[in-house]
Amino acid sequence: MNMRLARCAALVAVCFSAAVVSAAVKDPKNAACPVSGKNCNPDKHVAFSGGQVYFCCGNCEKAFESDSAKFAAKAHQQMVSTGQLTQKGCPFSGGPVKAGTEVTIDGVEVGFCCNNCKGKVEKASPEQRVTMVFGNVEKGFAPAAK
């Protein structure tokens, strides 16, 4: 009986520590252009970080291609909002996400491993939040399963 209880507790722990990201936008035309912030044209896109980044116009597409590093955080945020990237862990530590530590950043709900990480983001300005969470996505995000 104790073994059965231990397995059940382990299963519950895994379920509650699973990283869940909520993003209302899935259709690229409803996503924000990482250059201008306007709605995107699904025909204007470039390959980036294993996915597609969408733009409102050809000028923004060219601006991105000439300096993608400048727009990388907003591009990654767009990739999460369009379902191309999913959260796999805390964006700072890579550790499991703890329930109750979620913060909505530019329309995307992101979870953290602890209230300290959550607090860092909550203290930041909206622009800083995007850069902090989506600037380097290696620890917290992975390509979505196809």
Protein backbone atom coordinates (compact mmCIF):
# COMPACT_ATOMS: atom_id res chain seq x y z
CA MET A 1 0.00 0.00 0.00
CA ASN A 2 2.84 2.42 0.86
CA MET A 3 4.45 1.77 -2.54
CA ARG A 4 1.16 2.58 -4.29
CA LEU A 5 0.86 5.81 -2.29
CA ALA A 6 4.46 6.74 -3.14
CA ARG A 7 3.82 6.21 -6.87
CA CYS A 8 0.65 8.30 -6.70
CA ALA A 9 2.51 11.11 -4.89
CA ALA A 10 5.29 11.00 -7.49
CA LEU A 11 2.76 11.23 -10.31
CA VAL A 12 1.06 14.20 -8.65
CA ALA A 13 4.43 15.93 -8.17
CA VAL A 14 5.30 15.46 -11.84
CA CYS A 15 1.94 16.81 -12.94
CA PHE A 16 2.18 19.89 -10.73
CA SER A 17 5.78 20.65 -11.69
CA ALA A 18 5.09 20.43 -15.42
CA ALA A 19 5.67 23.75 -17.14
CA VAL A 20 2.56 25.13 -18.71
CA VAL A 21 2.61 28.23 -20.84
CA SER A 22 -0.58 29.88 -21.88
CA ALA A 23 -0.63 31.91 -25.05
CA ALA A 24 -3.90 33.12 -26.52
CA VAL A 25 -2.40 33.90 -29.94
CA LYS A 26 -1.80 30.96 -32.26
CA ASP A 27 -2.55 32.41 -35.69
CA PRO A 28 0.43 34.42 -37.01
CA LYS A 29 -1.87 37.19 -38.30
CA ASN A 30 -2.86 37.90 -34.67
CA ALA A 31 0.73 37.94 -33.41
CA ALA A 32 2.66 41.16 -32.88
CA CYS A 33 5.40 42.05 -35.34
CA PRO A 34 8.68 42.00 -33.35
CA VAL A 35 9.81 45.20 -35.10
CA SER A 36 6.71 47.43 -35.17
CA GLY A 37 4.29 45.74 -32.74
CA LYS A 38 1.50 45.71 -35.37
CA ASN A 39 -0.47 42.60 -36.42
CA CYS A 40 1.44 40.30 -38.73
CA ASN A 41 0.96 39.33 -42.35
CA PRO A 42 1.43 35.53 -42.51
CA ASP A 43 3.06 35.92 -45.94
CA LYS A 44 5.91 38.00 -44.45
CA HIS A 45 8.17 35.71 -42.43
CA VAL A 46 11.73 34.47 -42.03
CA ALA A 47 13.28 31.37 -40.48
CA PHE A 48 14.68 32.02 -37.00
CA SER A 49 15.73 29.79 -34.07
CA GLY A 50 14.16 26.70 -35.60
CA GLY A 51 10.83 28.34 -36.42
CA GLN A 52 9.22 31.21 -38.30
CA VAL A 53 9.03 34.84 -37.24
CA TYR A 54 6.21 36.87 -38.80
CA PHE A 55 6.12 40.57 -39.70
CA CYS A 56 3.57 43.19 -40.66
CA CYS A 57 5.42 44.26 -43.81
CA GLY A 58 8.50 43.77 -45.93
CA ASN A 59 10.29 46.71 -44.32
CA CYS A 60 10.11 45.09 -40.89
CA GLU A 61 11.21 41.79 -42.38
CA LYS A 62 14.29 43.53 -43.84
CA ALA A 63 15.02 45.36 -40.56
CA PHE A 64 14.91 42.04 -38.70
CA GLU A 65 17.15 40.29 -41.20
CA SER A 66 19.73 43.09 -40.95
CA ASP A 67 19.91 42.92 -37.11
CA SER A 68 18.02 39.91 -35.72
CA ALA A 69 19.84 40.11 -32.37
CA LYS A 70 18.17 43.47 -31.69
CA PHE A 71 14.73 41.87 -32.04
CA ALA A 72 15.49 38.34 -30.75
CA ALA A 73 13.57 38.62 -27.46
CA LYS A 74 10.40 39.84 -29.16
CA ALA A 75 10.84 37.21 -31.88
CA HIS A 76 11.09 34.44 -29.26
CA GLN A 77 8.03 35.84 -27.46
CA GLN A 78 6.14 35.72 -30.77
CA MET A 79 7.27 32.11 -31.29
CA VAL A 80 5.83 31.20 -27.89
CA SER A 81 2.58 33.04 -28.64
CA THR A 82 2.22 31.22 -31.96
CA GLY A 83 2.87 27.83 -30.35
CA GLN A 84 6.27 27.23 -31.97
CA LEU A 85 8.06 27.25 -28.61
CA THR A 86 6.69 25.80 -25.38
CA GLN A 87 7.88 26.30 -21.84
CA LYS A 88 9.96 23.43 -20.45
CA GLY A 89 11.16 25.07 -17.22
CA CYS A 90 11.96 28.28 -15.40
CA PRO A 91 13.44 30.79 -17.86
CA PHE A 92 16.20 31.64 -15.34
CA SER A 93 17.15 28.35 -13.69
CA GLY A 94 15.72 25.75 -16.06
CA GLY A 95 14.16 24.08 -13.00
CA PRO A 96 10.59 22.80 -12.78
CA VAL A 97 7.86 25.43 -12.72
CA LYS A 98 6.06 25.80 -9.40
CA ALA A 99 2.29 26.37 -9.39
CA GLY A 100 1.32 29.90 -8.43
CA THR A 101 4.42 31.55 -9.89
CA GLU A 102 2.93 32.55 -13.24
CA VAL A 103 3.28 36.05 -14.72
CA THR A 104 1.70 37.26 -17.96
CA ILE A 105 4.29 38.87 -20.20
CA ASP A 106 3.07 40.49 -23.40
CA GLY A 107 0.07 38.16 -23.51
CA VAL A 108 2.01 34.99 -22.66
CA GLU A 109 1.71 33.33 -19.26
CA VAL A 110 5.12 32.18 -18.03
CA GLY A 111 5.81 30.17 -14.90
CA PHE A 112 8.89 30.22 -12.66
CA CYS A 113 10.61 27.80 -10.29
CA CYS A 114 10.19 30.05 -7.27
CA ASN A 115 8.84 33.37 -6.05
CA ASN A 116 12.33 34.90 -6.23
CA CYS A 117 12.47 34.40 -10.01
CA LYS A 118 8.86 35.56 -10.31
CA GLY A 119 9.70 38.64 -8.23
CA LYS A 120 12.61 39.62 -10.49
CA VAL A 121 10.24 39.77 -13.44
CA GLU A 122 7.42 41.51 -11.58
CA LYS A 123 9.79 44.34 -10.57
CA ALA A 124 10.89 44.94 -14.18
CA SER A 125 9.29 47.21 -16.76
CA PRO A 126 7.24 45.57 -19.54
CA GLU A 127 10.12 45.91 -22.04
CA GLN A 128 12.62 44.51 -19.53
CA ARG A 129 10.31 41.56 -18.83
CA VAL A 130 10.33 40.52 -22.49
CA THR A 131 14.13 40.76 -22.63
CA MET A 132 14.64 38.93 -19.33
CA VAL A 133 12.35 36.03 -20.13
CA PHE A 134 12.62 35.66 -23.92
CA GLY A 135 16.12 37.04 -24.64
CA ASN A 136 17.77 33.66 -24.09
CA VAL A 137 15.28 30.81 -24.33
CA GLU A 138 17.66 27.87 -23.90
CA LYS A 139 16.82 27.10 -20.26
CA GLY A 140 13.09 27.73 -20.28
CA PHE A 141 11.71 26.95 -23.72
CA ALA A 142 11.94 24.27 -26.41
CA PRO A 143 10.50 23.73 -29.88
CA ALA A 144 6.90 22.53 -29.72
CA ALA A 145 6.23 18.91 -30.63
CA LYS A 146 4.88 18.65 -34.15
